[in-house]
Amino acid sequence: MAKNLKRYYQAWELRQQGNKLREIAKIMGFKSGENARRMINYVDFIIKERPYRMSNELKRLASKYIL
């Protein structure tokens, strides 16, 4: 399944900024927060469990939020 990773990263970044799932869904044009939750969980999984699969873009983005 091809993923548009920029959308996943956008959802993750919005969550790191403190937005609620409903707010993220509204910003990104989803009907509910479930799609946002799924995208955020996917990026969290990549960061925590598979850091060797992180793209340079995600590394740069995550470095702003993860100490």
N, C-alpha and C. Protein backbone atom coordinates (compact mmCIF):
# COMPACT_ATOMS: atom_id res chain seq x y z
N MET A 1 0.84 -1.17 0.00
CA MET A 1 0.00 0.00 0.00
C MET A 1 0.89 1.24 0.00
N ALA A 2 0.73 2.06 -1.00
CA ALA A 2 1.52 3.29 -1.08
C ALA A 2 0.92 4.32 -0.14
N LYS A 3 1.78 4.95 0.63
CA LYS A 3 1.32 5.95 1.59
C LYS A 3 1.86 7.31 1.18
N ASN A 4 1.02 8.30 1.32
CA ASN A 4 1.49 9.65 1.12
C ASN A 4 2.08 10.11 2.44
N LEU A 5 3.37 9.91 2.60
CA LEU A 5 4.01 10.14 3.89
C LEU A 5 3.96 11.59 4.34
N LYS A 6 3.89 12.52 3.42
CA LYS A 6 3.81 13.92 3.82
C LYS A 6 2.53 14.17 4.62
N ARG A 7 1.43 13.52 4.25
CA ARG A 7 0.18 13.65 5.00
C ARG A 7 0.32 13.01 6.39
N TYR A 8 0.99 11.88 6.45
CA TYR A 8 1.23 11.22 7.74
C TYR A 8 2.07 12.12 8.63
N TYR A 9 3.12 12.70 8.08
CA TYR A 9 4.00 13.57 8.84
C TYR A 9 3.23 14.82 9.30
N GLN A 10 2.37 15.34 8.42
CA GLN A 10 1.58 16.52 8.76
C GLN A 10 0.66 16.22 9.95
N ALA A 11 -0.02 15.08 9.92
CA ALA A 11 -0.89 14.70 11.03
C ALA A 11 -0.09 14.54 12.31
N TRP A 12 1.06 13.90 12.22
CA TRP A 12 1.91 13.69 13.39
C TRP A 12 2.38 15.02 13.97
N GLU A 13 2.81 15.92 13.09
CA GLU A 13 3.30 17.22 13.54
C GLU A 13 2.18 18.03 14.20
N LEU A 14 0.99 17.99 13.64
CA LEU A 14 -0.14 18.70 14.24
C LEU A 14 -0.43 18.15 15.64
N ARG A 15 -0.31 16.84 15.81
CA ARG A 15 -0.53 16.23 17.13
C ARG A 15 0.56 16.66 18.11
N GLN A 16 1.80 16.75 17.65
CA GLN A 16 2.90 17.17 18.51
C GLN A 16 2.72 18.62 18.95
N GLN A 17 2.01 19.39 18.15
CA GLN A 17 1.75 20.80 18.49
C GLN A 17 0.59 20.94 19.47
N GLY A 18 -0.04 19.82 19.83
CA GLY A 18 -1.08 19.85 20.85
C GLY A 18 -2.51 19.83 20.33
N ASN A 19 -2.69 19.64 19.04
CA ASN A 19 -4.04 19.59 18.48
C ASN A 19 -4.72 18.28 18.84
N LYS A 20 -6.03 18.34 19.01
CA LYS A 20 -6.81 17.13 19.28
C LYS A 20 -7.11 16.43 17.96
N LEU A 21 -7.47 15.15 18.05
CA LEU A 21 -7.72 14.37 16.83
C LEU A 21 -8.83 14.99 15.98
N ARG A 22 -9.88 15.47 16.61
CA ARG A 22 -10.96 16.11 15.84
C ARG A 22 -10.47 17.35 15.10
N GLU A 23 -9.62 18.13 15.76
CA GLU A 23 -9.06 19.32 15.11
C GLU A 23 -8.19 18.95 13.93
N ILE A 24 -7.37 17.91 14.10
CA ILE A 24 -6.51 17.44 13.02
C ILE A 24 -7.36 16.95 11.85
N ALA A 25 -8.41 16.21 12.16
CA ALA A 25 -9.31 15.70 11.12
C ALA A 25 -9.94 16.86 10.35
N LYS A 26 -10.35 17.88 11.04
CA LYS A 26 -10.95 19.04 10.37
C LYS A 26 -9.95 19.75 9.48
N ILE A 27 -8.73 19.95 9.99
CA ILE A 27 -7.68 20.62 9.22
C ILE A 27 -7.34 19.83 7.96
N MET A 28 -7.28 18.50 8.09
CA MET A 28 -6.84 17.66 6.98
C MET A 28 -8.00 17.19 6.09
N GLY A 29 -9.23 17.49 6.48
CA GLY A 29 -10.37 17.16 5.65
C GLY A 29 -10.91 15.75 5.83
N PHE A 30 -10.71 15.15 7.00
CA PHE A 30 -11.24 13.83 7.29
C PHE A 30 -12.61 13.97 7.93
N LYS A 31 -13.42 12.91 7.85
CA LYS A 31 -14.74 12.92 8.47
C LYS A 31 -14.67 12.70 9.97
N SER A 32 -13.67 11.96 10.42
CA SER A 32 -13.53 11.70 11.86
C SER A 32 -12.05 11.70 12.23
N GLY A 33 -11.80 11.61 13.52
CA GLY A 33 -10.43 11.59 14.00
C GLY A 33 -9.74 10.26 13.83
N GLU A 34 -10.47 9.23 13.40
CA GLU A 34 -9.90 7.89 13.29
C GLU A 34 -8.76 7.84 12.27
N ASN A 35 -8.92 8.47 11.12
CA ASN A 35 -7.84 8.48 10.13
C ASN A 35 -6.61 9.21 10.67
N ALA A 36 -6.83 10.30 11.37
CA ALA A 36 -5.72 11.04 11.96
C ALA A 36 -5.01 10.17 12.99
N ARG A 37 -5.76 9.47 13.83
CA ARG A 37 -5.17 8.60 14.84
C ARG A 37 -4.33 7.51 14.20
N ARG A 38 -4.84 6.91 13.14
CA ARG A 38 -4.12 5.85 12.45
C ARG A 38 -2.81 6.36 11.86
N MET A 39 -2.84 7.53 11.25
CA MET A 39 -1.63 8.11 10.66
C MET A 39 -0.60 8.44 11.74
N ILE A 40 -1.06 9.03 12.83
CA ILE A 40 -0.17 9.40 13.93
C ILE A 40 0.47 8.17 14.54
N ASN A 41 -0.31 7.13 14.75
CA ASN A 41 0.22 5.89 15.33
C ASN A 41 1.25 5.25 14.41
N TYR A 42 1.04 5.33 13.10
CA TYR A 42 2.01 4.77 12.15
C TYR A 42 3.35 5.49 12.27
N VAL A 43 3.33 6.81 12.30
CA VAL A 43 4.57 7.58 12.40
C VAL A 43 5.23 7.33 13.75
N ASP A 44 4.45 7.26 14.83
CA ASP A 44 5.01 6.94 16.14
C ASP A 44 5.70 5.58 16.12
N PHE A 45 5.09 4.60 15.46
CA PHE A 45 5.67 3.26 15.36
C PHE A 45 7.01 3.31 14.63
N ILE A 46 7.07 4.03 13.53
CA ILE A 46 8.31 4.13 12.76
C ILE A 46 9.40 4.78 13.62
N ILE A 47 9.06 5.84 14.33
CA ILE A 47 10.05 6.55 15.14
C ILE A 47 10.57 5.67 16.28
N LYS A 48 9.67 4.96 16.96
CA LYS A 48 10.06 4.20 18.15
C LYS A 48 10.58 2.81 17.83
N GLU A 49 9.98 2.11 16.90
CA GLU A 49 10.30 0.71 16.67
C GLU A 49 11.19 0.46 15.45
N ARG A 50 11.16 1.32 14.48
CA ARG A 50 11.93 1.12 13.25
C ARG A 50 12.67 2.39 12.83
N PRO A 51 13.52 2.91 13.67
CA PRO A 51 14.19 4.17 13.32
C PRO A 51 15.06 4.06 12.07
N TYR A 52 15.49 2.87 11.73
CA TYR A 52 16.31 2.69 10.53
C TYR A 52 15.49 2.91 9.26
N ARG A 53 14.16 2.94 9.35
CA ARG A 53 13.30 3.18 8.19
C ARG A 53 12.88 4.64 8.06
N MET A 54 13.37 5.49 8.97
CA MET A 54 12.98 6.89 8.95
C MET A 54 13.62 7.61 7.76
N SER A 55 12.81 8.38 7.07
CA SER A 55 13.35 9.19 5.98
C SER A 55 14.07 10.40 6.57
N ASN A 56 14.87 11.04 5.77
CA ASN A 56 15.57 12.24 6.24
C ASN A 56 14.58 13.32 6.63
N GLU A 57 13.48 13.41 5.88
CA GLU A 57 12.45 14.40 6.19
C GLU A 57 11.84 14.15 7.57
N LEU A 58 11.54 12.89 7.88
CA LEU A 58 10.97 12.56 9.19
C LEU A 58 12.00 12.78 10.29
N LYS A 59 13.25 12.46 10.05
CA LYS A 59 14.29 12.71 11.05
C LYS A 59 14.37 14.20 11.40
N ARG A 60 14.32 15.04 10.37
CA ARG A 60 14.38 16.48 10.57
C ARG A 60 13.15 16.96 11.34
N LEU A 61 11.99 16.46 10.97
CA LEU A 61 10.74 16.84 11.63
C LEU A 61 10.72 16.37 13.08
N ALA A 62 11.09 15.13 13.30
CA ALA A 62 11.05 14.55 14.65
C ALA A 62 12.06 15.22 15.57
N SER A 63 13.17 15.67 15.03
CA SER A 63 14.20 16.29 15.87
C SER A 63 13.69 17.57 16.52
N LYS A 64 12.67 18.21 15.95
CA LYS A 64 12.10 19.41 16.55
C LYS A 64 11.31 19.09 17.81
N TYR A 65 10.76 17.86 17.90
CA TYR A 65 9.85 17.52 18.97
C TYR A 65 10.42 16.50 19.96
N ILE A 66 11.35 15.69 19.52
CA ILE A 66 11.90 14.63 20.36
C ILE A 66 13.27 15.05 20.85
N LEU A 67 13.44 15.01 22.14
CA LEU A 67 14.74 15.42 22.71
C LEU A 67 15.68 14.26 22.79
